[in-house]
């Protein structure tokens, strides 16, 4: 009897209709219905309103705040957005009612995982938020949470990989930059974007590989690569999928699969303003996080979009007034020989700062020749891609707000494409993928007018004083178009020795507290990853690069804030509910 909680006599409960008793750290509501006694958690699982103030009719307990309905016997909800309410065992001895304060339906990791799937399927943000909060608080690995979203997004969107899965991957990549609340917000935002993008889009079923019964009738990798390349060329997504799944079935390495797929992407210039290559890079990044057993669905999800892609060499801007296509087509056949001989040479002896300035110049033909010379002199394709990415970030750091607002996206596309090329070349180097470094450099050239006029790079002031509190930056971004002001704040913070980890977490919250647009997530993640690469070096260019990347992301986020902030509000509700706070009372 010491473990039981006394609820009162049966007659008293029948007269009162509902009674609240204390059950450890929470309240339990006790009801009498059809001569039977039932006990449920008094907090409505939707948003915490006290259920004892609700109505019990025909065996259905209805919360009066949002009209969530629950079966009084099982606690099951009729409303998928509400969650089931915990129920408790009841004992009646000599007409006295006792409640055992351990629920029948305990919240487990598996239940939270299922609720996350439910939230994704039904596209219910609050259910997603509560599930992510519960899993994170229970110590469930963040990559395992991301895996649930990836499995759902790659299977339940007929059009395949899109911005939602890209956001989820980007946010998974930057989790180490964020505090615990930031990590919850990052995963939640990624999951919600996956759910929204997949809603009503239909299930995607794999076509299956070509028949392979033994090694004798198995196709060679070279043959499959040729078929795959041709299918992509003629925009045959179904043929490409069967070839890809065959290559996976035959066990070809992840590096070979990446080479096959990215070769087909880079056969054309800056496809879909860089999104196609970026999506491919993100797919391989998330596989590295969640496990390569997910190869078939993840990689094949990249193919539905190839039947409707824009190829930049076909556009007027790449052909006139300066023909960028011709010099690139003349340069690309030279790449195999250049890269084949690069391993025999020592470290490159070139001025990389001059190379950055050349990429930013008004002479694209000279840029192509200079980049070829850099490769000949021992600069690796990965390093060259890193330098092009820095030049693209420089464009953003100097983007003037007198430009059309939508042109932020133009310079952003170049930067995230260049970053994706850099990350892809870090995994595997081929002459075909190296072509994309040149595509990115030409896009940097085409963006030159967006630095006319060029925004001034702020100079630090009062560097001897203590660094500011990062919360000042968040307050500054509560106002629209604080681009220059935010940039000055960051430059002073860095010059005064401010903690970069605190700054990066603050910038993460500046992103995640908003109903941010897709490209803002890309901007933050790419800047953080590229910064970390440069931070491993000790040189004047490396220091310049780090500051440039921080300035670029700060100015971009400041230019896109504030917003309505509906999504972070939903996440805050979930976190407050998890802590047991009463949302229906004033703070």
Protein backbone atom coordinates (compact mmCIF):
# COMPACT_ATOMS: atom_id res chain seq x y z
CA UNK A 1 0.00 0.00 0.00
CA UNK A 2 3.00 2.34 0.54
CA UNK A 3 3.54 2.57 -3.25
CA UNK A 4 -0.07 3.51 -3.91
CA UNK A 5 -1.58 7.00 -3.76
CA UNK A 6 -4.92 7.42 -2.04
CA UNK A 7 -7.51 9.07 -4.30
CA UNK A 8 -10.56 9.00 -2.00
CA UNK A 9 -13.66 6.91 -1.55
CA UNK A 10 -15.52 5.63 -4.57
CA UNK A 11 -18.67 7.53 -3.53
CA UNK A 12 -16.78 10.82 -3.17
CA UNK A 13 -15.21 10.43 -6.61
CA UNK A 14 -18.59 9.64 -8.15
CA UNK A 15 -19.99 12.81 -6.61
CA UNK A 16 -17.07 15.04 -7.60
CA UNK A 17 -16.70 13.73 -11.14
CA UNK A 18 -12.93 14.30 -11.27
CA UNK A 19 -10.19 14.61 -8.69
CA UNK A 20 -6.52 15.58 -8.99
CA UNK A 21 -3.92 13.78 -6.89
CA UNK A 22 -0.18 14.26 -6.67
CA UNK A 23 1.83 11.58 -8.42
CA UNK A 24 5.48 12.28 -7.80
CA UNK A 25 6.52 15.27 -9.92
CA UNK A 26 3.22 15.44 -11.77
CA UNK A 27 -0.51 15.45 -11.20
CA UNK A 28 -2.89 12.59 -11.95
CA UNK A 29 -6.55 13.11 -12.79
CA UNK A 30 -8.95 10.43 -11.50
CA UNK A 31 -12.35 9.96 -13.20
CA UNK A 32 -15.33 7.67 -12.65
CA UNK A 33 -17.05 6.44 -15.79
CA UNK A 34 -19.76 3.76 -15.90
CA UNK A 35 -18.95 2.64 -12.33
CA UNK A 36 -15.27 2.17 -13.25
CA UNK A 37 -12.38 4.35 -12.07
CA UNK A 38 -9.71 5.59 -14.49
CA UNK A 39 -6.55 7.60 -13.86
CA UNK A 40 -4.68 9.65 -16.47
CA UNK A 41 -1.87 12.16 -16.44
CA UNK A 42 -3.51 15.50 -15.79
CA UNK A 43 -1.39 17.29 -18.40
CA UNK A 44 -2.89 17.19 -21.87
CA UNK A 45 -0.08 15.70 -23.97
CA UNK A 46 -0.78 18.24 -26.70
CA UNK A 47 0.11 21.47 -24.86
CA UNK A 48 -0.18 20.72 -21.15
CA UNK A 49 -3.66 22.04 -20.26
CA UNK A 50 -5.15 20.37 -17.12
CA UNK A 51 -7.42 17.52 -18.24
CA UNK A 52 -9.48 17.50 -15.05
CA UNK A 53 -11.15 20.68 -16.36
CA UNK A 54 -12.17 18.86 -19.54
CA UNK A 55 -15.31 16.91 -20.40
CA UNK A 56 -15.90 13.15 -20.16
CA UNK A 57 -18.70 11.94 -22.43
CA UNK A 58 -19.28 8.55 -24.07
CA UNK A 59 -15.88 7.38 -22.83
CA UNK A 60 -14.06 10.27 -24.54
CA UNK A 61 -12.15 12.78 -22.44
CA UNK A 62 -11.93 16.13 -24.26
CA UNK A 63 -9.41 18.83 -23.38
CA UNK A 64 -11.08 22.24 -23.43
CA UNK A 65 -8.04 24.16 -24.73
CA UNK A 66 -7.66 22.68 -28.24
CA UNK A 67 -10.33 19.96 -28.07
CA UNK A 68 -7.94 17.03 -28.15
CA UNK A 69 -9.87 13.80 -27.50
CA UNK A 70 -8.72 10.75 -25.54
CA UNK A 71 -10.12 7.29 -24.86
CA UNK A 72 -10.46 7.33 -21.07
CA UNK A 73 -9.67 3.62 -20.88
CA UNK A 74 -6.50 3.36 -22.96
CA UNK A 75 -5.39 6.98 -23.10
CA UNK A 76 -5.24 6.74 -26.88
CA UNK A 77 -5.95 9.94 -28.78
CA UNK A 78 -8.34 10.36 -31.68
CA UNK A 79 -6.28 13.31 -32.89
CA UNK A 80 -2.84 12.52 -34.36
CA UNK A 81 -1.48 15.94 -33.36
CA UNK A 82 -2.14 15.37 -29.65
CA UNK A 83 -0.18 12.25 -28.51
CA UNK A 84 -1.62 9.56 -26.23
CA UNK A 85 -2.12 10.48 -22.58
CA UNK A 86 -0.43 8.22 -19.98
CA UNK A 87 -2.86 6.08 -17.95
CA UNK A 88 -2.28 4.59 -14.48
CA UNK A 89 -3.34 1.37 -12.74
CA UNK A 90 -6.20 1.76 -10.26
CA UNK A 91 -7.11 -0.48 -7.29
CA UNK A 92 -10.39 -0.37 -5.34
CA UNK A 93 -10.30 -1.88 -1.85
CA UNK A 94 -13.35 -1.69 0.37
CA UNK A 95 -14.71 1.15 -1.76
CA UNK A 96 -11.46 3.13 -1.33
CA UNK A 97 -9.63 4.12 -4.55
CA UNK A 98 -5.85 3.86 -4.87
CA UNK A 99 -3.66 4.78 -7.85
CA UNK A 100 -0.29 3.27 -8.69
CA UNK A 101 1.81 6.23 -10.03
CA UNK A 102 3.66 4.30 -12.74
CA UNK A 103 1.90 4.57 -16.11
CA UNK A 104 0.88 1.64 -18.26
CA UNK A 105 2.11 3.32 -21.40
CA UNK A 106 5.56 4.62 -20.54
CA UNK A 107 7.37 6.89 -22.99
CA UNK A 108 10.19 4.87 -24.51
CA UNK A 109 12.82 5.55 -27.15
CA UNK A 110 10.92 3.39 -29.61
CA UNK A 111 7.69 5.31 -28.97
CA UNK A 112 9.48 8.61 -29.51
CA UNK A 113 11.00 7.31 -32.74
CA UNK A 114 7.57 6.22 -33.92
CA UNK A 115 6.06 9.56 -33.00
CA UNK A 116 8.79 11.27 -35.01
CA UNK A 117 7.83 9.12 -37.98
CA UNK A 118 4.17 9.98 -37.36
CA UNK A 119 5.01 13.68 -37.30
CA UNK A 120 6.92 13.38 -40.58
CA UNK A 121 4.10 11.43 -42.23
CA UNK A 122 1.37 13.78 -41.04
CA UNK A 123 3.52 16.92 -41.44
CA UNK A 124 2.80 18.04 -37.86
CA UNK A 125 5.53 20.39 -36.60
CA UNK A 126 4.70 20.14 -32.89
CA UNK A 127 4.79 16.34 -32.94
CA UNK A 128 8.17 16.49 -34.69
CA UNK A 129 9.44 19.01 -32.14
CA UNK A 130 8.31 17.01 -29.11
CA UNK A 131 9.82 13.84 -30.53
CA UNK A 132 13.18 15.47 -31.26
CA UNK A 133 13.27 17.06 -27.79
CA UNK A 134 12.37 13.76 -26.12
CA UNK A 135 14.97 11.79 -28.06
CA UNK A 136 17.73 14.33 -27.47
CA UNK A 137 16.95 14.54 -23.74
CA UNK A 138 17.02 10.74 -23.57
CA UNK A 139 20.53 10.71 -25.02
CA UNK A 140 19.51 9.19 -28.35
CA UNK A 141 22.31 9.87 -30.90
CA UNK A 142 21.69 12.87 -33.14
CA UNK A 143 22.79 10.96 -36.22
CA UNK A 144 20.17 8.30 -35.46
CA UNK A 145 17.53 11.04 -35.31
CA UNK A 146 18.75 12.38 -38.65
CA UNK A 147 18.59 8.86 -40.08
CA UNK A 148 14.84 8.73 -39.44
CA UNK A 149 14.38 11.91 -41.44
CA UNK A 150 16.62 10.72 -44.27
CA UNK A 151 14.84 7.36 -44.51
CA UNK A 152 11.50 9.16 -44.70
CA UNK A 153 12.55 11.91 -47.09
CA UNK A 154 14.27 9.65 -49.60
CA UNK A 155 11.32 7.25 -49.76
CA UNK A 156 8.29 9.54 -49.51
CA UNK A 157 9.01 12.25 -52.02
CA UNK A 158 8.51 11.07 -55.56
CA UNK A 159 10.64 13.94 -56.88
CA UNK A 160 13.55 12.74 -54.80
CA UNK A 161 16.23 14.74 -53.03
CA UNK A 162 15.42 18.40 -52.46
CA UNK A 163 15.98 21.33 -50.16
CA UNK A 164 14.54 19.55 -47.09
CA UNK A 165 17.11 16.76 -47.06
CA UNK A 166 19.83 19.29 -47.85
CA UNK A 167 18.85 21.37 -44.81
CA UNK A 168 18.71 18.27 -42.59
CA UNK A 169 22.18 17.19 -43.74
CA UNK A 170 23.64 20.68 -43.34
CA UNK A 171 22.24 20.99 -39.83
CA UNK A 172 23.55 17.55 -38.89
CA UNK A 173 26.99 18.63 -40.10
CA UNK A 174 27.07 21.73 -37.87
CA UNK A 175 25.77 20.17 -34.64
CA UNK A 176 29.24 20.44 -33.01
CA UNK A 177 29.04 24.23 -33.44
CA UNK A 178 25.85 24.50 -31.38
CA UNK A 179 24.83 24.22 -27.75
CA UNK A 180 22.16 21.70 -26.74
CA UNK A 181 19.24 24.01 -27.49
CA UNK A 182 20.78 24.86 -30.84
CA UNK A 183 21.17 21.18 -31.67
CA UNK A 184 17.49 20.57 -30.92
CA UNK A 185 16.51 23.52 -33.11
CA UNK A 186 18.83 22.37 -35.91
CA UNK A 187 17.44 18.83 -36.07
CA UNK A 188 13.87 20.08 -35.67
CA UNK A 189 14.22 22.60 -38.50
CA UNK A 190 15.75 19.94 -40.75
CA UNK A 191 12.97 17.46 -39.97
CA UNK A 192 10.18 19.99 -40.52
CA UNK A 193 11.58 20.97 -43.91
CA UNK A 194 11.75 17.30 -44.90
CA UNK A 195 8.14 16.79 -43.79
CA UNK A 196 6.84 19.88 -45.58
CA UNK A 197 8.64 19.08 -48.80
CA UNK A 198 7.42 15.47 -48.77
CA UNK A 199 3.80 16.20 -47.84
CA UNK A 200 1.47 14.93 -50.55
CA UNK A 201 4.38 14.10 -52.85
CA UNK A 202 3.81 10.34 -53.06
CA UNK A 203 5.99 7.35 -52.23
CA UNK A 204 9.03 6.61 -54.36
CA UNK A 205 9.61 2.94 -55.19
CA UNK A 206 12.99 1.67 -56.35
CA UNK A 207 13.11 0.18 -59.83
CA UNK A 208 15.66 -2.49 -58.94
CA UNK A 209 19.01 -3.38 -60.45
CA UNK A 210 19.68 -5.13 -63.74
CA UNK A 211 19.82 -8.95 -63.44
CA UNK A 212 23.22 -10.16 -62.26
CA UNK A 213 23.40 -13.89 -61.59
CA UNK A 214 27.17 -14.43 -61.50
CA UNK A 215 30.49 -12.72 -62.12
CA UNK A 216 30.56 -13.76 -65.78
CA UNK A 217 27.47 -11.77 -66.71
CA UNK A 218 28.25 -8.86 -64.38
CA UNK A 219 28.84 -5.54 -66.08
CA UNK A 220 32.17 -3.77 -65.59
CA UNK A 221 32.31 -0.48 -63.73
CA UNK A 222 33.52 1.24 -66.89
CA UNK A 223 30.52 -0.04 -68.83
CA UNK A 224 28.06 0.99 -66.12
CA UNK A 225 29.68 4.44 -65.91
CA UNK A 226 29.30 4.91 -69.65
CA UNK A 227 25.63 3.87 -69.51
CA UNK A 228 24.97 6.10 -66.52
CA UNK A 229 26.61 9.09 -68.17
CA UNK A 230 24.52 8.59 -71.30
CA UNK A 231 21.27 8.28 -69.33
CA UNK A 232 21.96 11.52 -67.52
CA UNK A 233 22.91 13.20 -70.78
CA UNK A 234 19.52 12.37 -72.33
CA UNK A 235 17.68 13.08 -69.05
CA UNK A 236 16.62 9.44 -68.61
CA UNK A 237 16.19 9.23 -64.84
CA UNK A 238 14.75 5.70 -64.85
CA UNK A 239 17.58 4.25 -66.90
CA UNK A 240 20.11 6.02 -64.72
CA UNK A 241 18.45 4.60 -61.59
CA UNK A 242 18.66 1.01 -62.80
CA UNK A 243 22.32 1.44 -63.76
CA UNK A 244 23.13 3.06 -60.41
CA UNK A 245 21.36 0.34 -58.42
CA UNK A 246 23.26 -2.27 -60.43
CA UNK A 247 26.57 -0.64 -59.52
CA UNK A 248 25.52 -0.65 -55.87
CA UNK A 249 24.40 -4.29 -56.11
CA UNK A 250 27.78 -5.27 -57.55
CA UNK A 251 29.52 -3.72 -54.56
CA UNK A 252 31.53 -0.99 -56.23
CA UNK A 253 33.14 1.35 -53.71
CA UNK A 254 31.57 4.57 -52.54
CA UNK A 255 34.41 6.45 -54.20
CA UNK A 256 33.66 4.84 -57.54
CA UNK A 257 29.96 5.54 -57.17
CA UNK A 258 30.71 9.19 -56.41
CA UNK A 259 33.03 9.43 -59.40
CA UNK A 260 30.41 7.91 -61.70
CA UNK A 261 27.65 10.20 -60.55
CA UNK A 262 29.65 13.43 -60.36
CA UNK A 263 31.20 12.85 -63.77
CA UNK A 264 27.71 12.87 -65.25
CA UNK A 265 26.80 16.03 -63.31
CA UNK A 266 29.91 17.92 -64.41
CA UNK A 267 29.53 17.00 -68.08
CA UNK A 268 27.54 20.23 -68.14
CA UNK A 269 28.29 23.61 -66.61
CA UNK A 270 27.02 24.77 -63.23
CA UNK A 271 23.88 22.63 -63.53
CA UNK A 272 20.77 24.15 -61.91
CA UNK A 273 22.84 27.06 -60.56
CA UNK A 274 24.93 24.59 -58.57
CA UNK A 275 22.13 22.87 -56.71
CA UNK A 276 22.56 19.52 -58.46
CA UNK A 277 26.19 19.13 -57.47
CA UNK A 278 25.46 20.46 -53.98
CA UNK A 279 22.67 17.88 -53.53
CA UNK A 280 25.02 15.10 -54.64
CA UNK A 281 27.67 16.22 -52.17
CA UNK A 282 25.13 16.39 -49.34
CA UNK A 283 23.88 12.88 -50.13
CA UNK A 284 27.38 11.44 -49.71
CA UNK A 285 27.93 13.53 -46.57
CA UNK A 286 24.81 12.21 -44.86
CA UNK A 287 25.68 8.64 -45.85
CA UNK A 288 28.97 9.12 -44.05
CA UNK A 289 26.97 10.11 -40.96
CA UNK A 290 24.18 7.52 -40.97
CA UNK A 291 25.84 4.55 -42.66
CA UNK A 292 26.31 3.35 -46.23
CA UNK A 293 23.68 0.63 -45.90
CA UNK A 294 21.30 3.41 -46.98
CA UNK A 295 23.02 3.79 -50.37
CA UNK A 296 20.19 2.60 -52.66
CA UNK A 297 17.48 4.98 -51.49
CA UNK A 298 19.75 7.95 -50.77
CA UNK A 299 21.71 7.94 -54.02
CA UNK A 300 18.77 7.07 -56.26
CA UNK A 301 16.83 9.96 -54.72
CA UNK A 302 19.15 12.28 -56.64
CA UNK A 303 17.91 11.07 -60.02
CA UNK A 304 14.27 12.18 -60.41
CA UNK A 305 15.44 15.76 -60.92
CA UNK A 306 17.78 15.10 -63.84
CA UNK A 307 14.93 15.20 -66.35
CA UNK A 308 14.52 18.94 -65.76
CA UNK A 309 17.88 20.63 -65.30
CA UNK A 310 19.28 23.92 -66.56
CA UNK A 311 22.72 23.68 -68.16
CA UNK A 312 24.58 26.96 -67.93
CA UNK A 313 26.62 26.56 -71.11
CA UNK A 314 23.32 26.89 -72.94
CA UNK A 315 22.56 30.25 -71.33
CA UNK A 316 23.22 33.64 -72.90
CA UNK A 317 25.25 34.95 -69.93
CA UNK A 318 27.87 32.21 -70.35
CA UNK A 319 28.30 32.95 -74.05
CA UNK A 320 27.98 36.73 -74.36
CA UNK A 321 29.44 39.33 -74.17
CA UNK A 322 32.37 37.07 -73.20
CA UNK A 323 32.27 33.48 -74.40
CA UNK A 324 33.15 31.43 -71.31
CA UNK A 325 32.24 28.10 -72.86
CA UNK A 326 34.94 28.03 -75.55
CA UNK A 327 38.01 28.54 -73.30
CA UNK A 328 36.68 25.99 -70.81
CA UNK A 329 36.06 23.40 -73.51
CA UNK A 330 39.61 23.98 -74.72
CA UNK A 331 41.02 23.66 -71.19
CA UNK A 332 39.22 20.51 -70.04
CA UNK A 333 40.97 18.02 -72.36
CA UNK A 334 44.27 19.09 -70.77
CA UNK A 335 43.21 18.12 -67.25
CA UNK A 336 43.87 14.33 -67.42
CA UNK A 337 47.53 14.82 -68.36
CA UNK A 338 48.01 17.64 -65.86
CA UNK A 339 46.57 15.61 -62.98
CA UNK A 340 48.39 12.45 -64.01
CA UNK A 341 51.73 14.21 -63.59
CA UNK A 342 50.97 16.26 -60.48
CA UNK A 343 52.02 13.54 -58.04
CA UNK A 344 55.61 13.66 -59.28
CA UNK A 345 56.05 17.31 -58.30
CA UNK A 346 56.66 18.87 -54.92
CA UNK A 347 54.63 21.48 -53.10
CA UNK A 348 53.29 24.28 -55.24
CA UNK A 349 55.17 27.55 -55.08
CA UNK A 350 52.59 30.14 -56.05
CA UNK A 351 51.10 33.20 -54.44
CA UNK A 352 47.60 32.02 -53.53
CA UNK A 353 46.46 35.52 -52.56
CA UNK A 354 47.24 36.66 -56.10
CA UNK A 355 45.30 33.68 -57.41
CA UNK A 356 42.26 34.73 -55.36
CA UNK A 357 42.48 38.24 -56.81
CA UNK A 358 42.72 36.83 -60.32
CA UNK A 359 39.55 34.76 -59.82
CA UNK A 360 37.84 37.94 -58.62
CA UNK A 361 39.11 39.93 -61.61
CA UNK A 362 37.39 41.06 -64.81
CA UNK A 363 39.48 38.76 -67.03
CA UNK A 364 37.96 35.26 -67.08
CA UNK A 365 40.19 34.00 -69.90
CA UNK A 366 43.29 34.85 -67.89
CA UNK A 367 41.66 33.22 -64.87
CA UNK A 368 41.26 29.93 -66.77
CA UNK A 369 44.90 30.02 -67.86
CA UNK A 370 46.12 30.93 -64.37
CA UNK A 371 44.16 28.08 -62.84
CA UNK A 372 45.61 25.63 -65.35
CA UNK A 373 49.10 26.89 -64.54
CA UNK A 374 48.39 26.48 -60.83
CA UNK A 375 47.47 22.83 -61.38
CA UNK A 376 50.60 22.32 -63.49
CA UNK A 377 52.69 23.83 -60.69
CA UNK A 378 51.37 21.37 -58.12
CA UNK A 379 48.27 23.00 -56.66
CA UNK A 380 45.88 20.12 -56.02
CA UNK A 381 42.34 20.29 -57.41
CA UNK A 382 41.03 20.28 -53.83
CA UNK A 383 43.21 23.27 -52.89
CA UNK A 384 42.21 25.10 -56.05
CA UNK A 385 38.56 24.47 -55.20
CA UNK A 386 39.19 25.85 -51.70
CA UNK A 387 40.63 29.03 -53.20
CA UNK A 388 37.68 29.43 -55.58
CA UNK A 389 35.35 28.98 -52.59
CA UNK A 390 37.19 31.75 -50.75
CA UNK A 391 36.76 34.05 -53.76
CA UNK A 392 33.02 33.24 -53.79
CA UNK A 393 32.79 34.03 -50.07
CA UNK A 394 34.59 37.32 -50.72
CA UNK A 395 31.80 38.29 -53.11
CA UNK A 396 29.23 37.77 -50.32
CA UNK A 397 31.32 39.63 -47.74
CA UNK A 398 31.39 42.61 -50.12
CA UNK A 399 27.83 42.32 -51.43
CA UNK A 400 26.27 45.78 -51.37
CA UNK A 401 22.72 46.13 -50.11
CA UNK A 402 21.96 48.52 -52.99
CA UNK A 403 21.67 45.41 -55.15
CA UNK A 404 18.31 43.78 -55.72
CA UNK A 405 17.55 41.75 -52.60
CA UNK A 406 17.16 38.53 -54.59
CA UNK A 407 20.77 38.85 -55.75
CA UNK A 408 21.90 37.64 -52.34
CA UNK A 409 20.82 34.25 -53.67
CA UNK A 410 22.97 34.65 -56.79
CA UNK A 411 26.23 35.04 -54.87
CA UNK A 412 25.07 32.40 -52.40
CA UNK A 413 24.60 29.85 -55.21
CA UNK A 414 28.17 30.36 -56.39
CA UNK A 415 29.56 29.97 -52.88
CA UNK A 416 27.64 26.82 -51.96
CA UNK A 417 28.43 25.23 -55.35
CA UNK A 418 32.13 25.98 -54.88
CA UNK A 419 31.97 24.54 -51.35
CA UNK A 420 30.30 21.37 -52.62
CA UNK A 421 33.01 20.99 -55.27
CA UNK A 422 35.69 21.45 -52.61
CA UNK A 423 34.16 18.83 -50.30
CA UNK A 424 33.64 16.40 -53.19
CA UNK A 425 37.26 16.73 -54.31
CA UNK A 426 38.42 16.08 -50.76
CA UNK A 427 36.79 12.64 -51.07
CA UNK A 428 37.95 11.79 -54.58
CA UNK A 429 39.84 13.59 -57.36
CA UNK A 430 39.11 13.04 -61.02
CA UNK A 431 39.72 15.21 -64.09
CA UNK A 432 35.96 15.22 -64.68
CA UNK A 433 35.11 16.60 -61.23
CA UNK A 434 37.98 19.10 -61.49
CA UNK A 435 36.03 20.72 -64.33
CA UNK A 436 33.55 21.94 -61.71
CA UNK A 437 36.28 24.07 -60.09
CA UNK A 438 36.45 26.03 -63.33
CA UNK A 439 32.64 26.22 -63.50
CA UNK A 440 32.67 27.80 -60.06
CA UNK A 441 35.39 30.29 -60.98
CA UNK A 442 33.41 31.45 -64.00
CA UNK A 443 30.34 31.93 -61.83
CA UNK A 444 32.46 34.07 -59.48
CA UNK A 445 33.38 36.16 -62.52
CA UNK A 446 29.75 36.53 -63.60
CA UNK A 447 28.84 37.75 -60.10
CA UNK A 448 31.35 40.64 -60.30
CA UNK A 449 28.68 43.29 -60.89
CA UNK A 450 27.15 42.47 -57.51
CA UNK A 451 30.27 44.00 -55.97
CA UNK A 452 29.71 47.23 -57.91
CA UNK A 453 29.75 49.17 -55.72
CA UNK A 454 31.59 46.98 -53.27
CA UNK A 455 30.57 47.07 -49.62
CA UNK A 456 33.38 48.34 -47.46
CA UNK A 457 35.18 45.83 -45.31
CA UNK A 458 34.95 47.26 -41.76
CA UNK A 459 38.04 48.08 -39.75
CA UNK A 460 38.17 47.18 -36.05
CA UNK A 461 37.99 49.91 -33.42
CA UNK A 462 38.99 50.04 -29.75
CA UNK A 463 40.72 46.68 -29.96
CA UNK A 464 42.12 47.02 -26.43
CA UNK A 465 38.67 46.79 -24.85
CA UNK A 466 36.95 43.58 -23.78
CA UNK A 467 34.99 41.67 -26.46
CA UNK A 468 31.27 42.29 -26.58
CA UNK A 469 28.63 39.85 -25.38
CA UNK A 470 27.39 37.79 -28.36
CA UNK A 471 23.82 38.45 -27.25
CA UNK A 472 24.33 41.97 -28.60
CA UNK A 473 24.57 40.54 -32.11
CA UNK A 474 21.28 38.69 -31.69
CA UNK A 475 19.62 41.86 -30.49
CA UNK A 476 21.01 43.76 -33.45
CA UNK A 477 19.54 41.19 -35.85
CA UNK A 478 16.10 41.75 -34.34
CA UNK A 479 15.94 44.70 -36.71
CA UNK A 480 15.82 44.54 -40.48
CA UNK A 481 18.85 45.21 -42.66
CA UNK A 482 21.49 45.53 -39.97
CA UNK A 483 24.02 44.19 -42.46
CA UNK A 484 26.80 46.77 -42.12
CA UNK A 485 26.22 47.13 -38.39
CA UNK A 486 26.46 43.38 -37.81
CA UNK A 487 29.64 43.16 -39.87
CA UNK A 488 31.27 45.95 -37.81
CA UNK A 489 30.22 44.23 -34.60
CA UNK A 490 31.82 40.94 -35.69
CA UNK A 491 35.06 42.56 -36.82
CA UNK A 492 35.41 44.28 -33.44
CA UNK A 493 34.53 41.10 -31.59
CA UNK A 494 37.24 39.13 -33.39
CA UNK A 495 39.85 41.89 -33.06
CA UNK A 496 39.22 42.04 -29.30
CA UNK A 497 39.87 38.34 -28.90
CA UNK A 498 36.28 37.16 -28.68
CA UNK A 499 35.68 33.42 -28.41
CA UNK A 500 34.94 32.06 -31.89
CA UNK A 501 33.02 29.07 -30.58
CA UNK A 502 30.61 31.41 -28.78
CA UNK A 503 30.27 33.49 -31.94
CA UNK A 504 29.54 30.47 -34.12
CA UNK A 505 26.92 29.24 -31.66
CA UNK A 506 25.38 32.72 -31.66
CA UNK A 507 25.31 32.85 -35.46
CA UNK A 508 23.71 29.41 -35.38
CA UNK A 509 20.96 30.71 -33.12
CA UNK A 510 20.59 33.78 -35.36
CA UNK A 511 19.73 31.31 -38.12
CA UNK A 512 17.68 28.81 -36.13
CA UNK A 513 15.46 31.33 -34.34
CA UNK A 514 14.10 32.36 -37.75
CA UNK A 515 11.70 30.83 -40.24
CA UNK A 516 14.78 30.80 -42.40
CA UNK A 517 14.77 30.30 -46.14
CA UNK A 518 16.61 27.28 -47.60
CA UNK A 519 19.69 29.19 -48.73
CA UNK A 520 20.36 30.63 -45.26
CA UNK A 521 20.92 27.10 -43.94
CA UNK A 522 23.32 26.45 -46.81
CA UNK A 523 25.19 29.68 -46.07
CA UNK A 524 25.76 28.95 -42.40
CA UNK A 525 26.87 25.37 -42.89
CA UNK A 526 29.23 26.05 -45.80
CA UNK A 527 30.85 29.00 -44.01
CA UNK A 528 31.41 26.95 -40.84
CA UNK A 529 32.96 24.01 -42.69
CA UNK A 530 35.19 26.17 -44.89
CA UNK A 531 36.30 28.21 -41.89
CA UNK A 532 37.40 25.05 -40.11
CA UNK A 533 39.55 24.03 -43.09
CA UNK A 534 41.36 27.38 -43.10
CA UNK A 535 41.73 27.39 -39.31
CA UNK A 536 44.14 24.44 -39.59
CA UNK A 537 46.65 26.72 -41.32
CA UNK A 538 48.81 29.55 -40.02
CA UNK A 539 49.28 32.11 -42.78
CA UNK A 540 48.14 35.56 -43.75
CA UNK A 541 45.78 34.13 -46.37
CA UNK A 542 44.31 31.66 -43.87
CA UNK A 543 43.58 34.45 -41.40
CA UNK A 544 42.06 36.58 -44.17
CA UNK A 545 39.95 33.61 -45.29
CA UNK A 546 38.61 32.95 -41.80
CA UNK A 547 37.55 36.55 -41.32
CA UNK A 548 36.04 36.67 -44.81
CA UNK A 549 33.91 33.59 -44.17
CA UNK A 550 32.69 34.94 -40.82
CA UNK A 551 31.87 38.31 -42.39
CA UNK A 552 30.06 36.63 -45.27
CA UNK A 553 27.79 34.50 -43.09
CA UNK A 554 27.14 37.36 -40.67
CA UNK A 555 26.14 39.79 -43.42
CA UNK A 556 23.99 37.18 -45.15
CA UNK A 557 22.09 36.24 -41.99
CA UNK A 558 21.65 39.88 -41.02
CA UNK A 559 20.26 40.59 -44.47
CA UNK A 560 17.61 37.89 -44.05
CA UNK A 561 16.36 38.65 -40.52
CA UNK A 562 14.06 38.96 -38.72
CA UNK A 563 11.21 36.72 -39.88
CA UNK A 564 7.90 35.54 -38.39
CA UNK A 565 9.71 32.89 -36.25
CA UNK A 566 6.83 30.41 -36.18
CA UNK A 567 9.04 27.31 -36.30
CA UNK A 568 11.35 28.18 -33.38
CA UNK A 569 8.25 29.12 -31.37
CA UNK A 570 6.92 25.61 -31.92
CA UNK A 571 10.24 24.16 -30.78
CA UNK A 572 10.19 26.34 -27.67
CA UNK A 573 6.71 25.01 -26.83
CA UNK A 574 8.04 21.45 -27.08
CA UNK A 575 11.01 22.24 -24.84
CA UNK A 576 8.84 23.95 -22.23
CA UNK A 577 6.42 21.01 -22.22
CA UNK A 578 9.30 18.61 -21.72
CA UNK A 579 10.42 20.65 -18.69
CA UNK A 580 6.89 20.49 -17.28
CA UNK A 581 6.14 24.20 -17.63
CA UNK A 582 2.55 25.45 -17.81
CA UNK A 583 2.00 27.11 -21.17
CA UNK A 584 -1.50 28.25 -20.26
CA UNK A 585 -0.26 30.45 -17.41
CA UNK A 586 1.50 33.80 -17.70
CA UNK A 587 5.27 33.73 -17.27
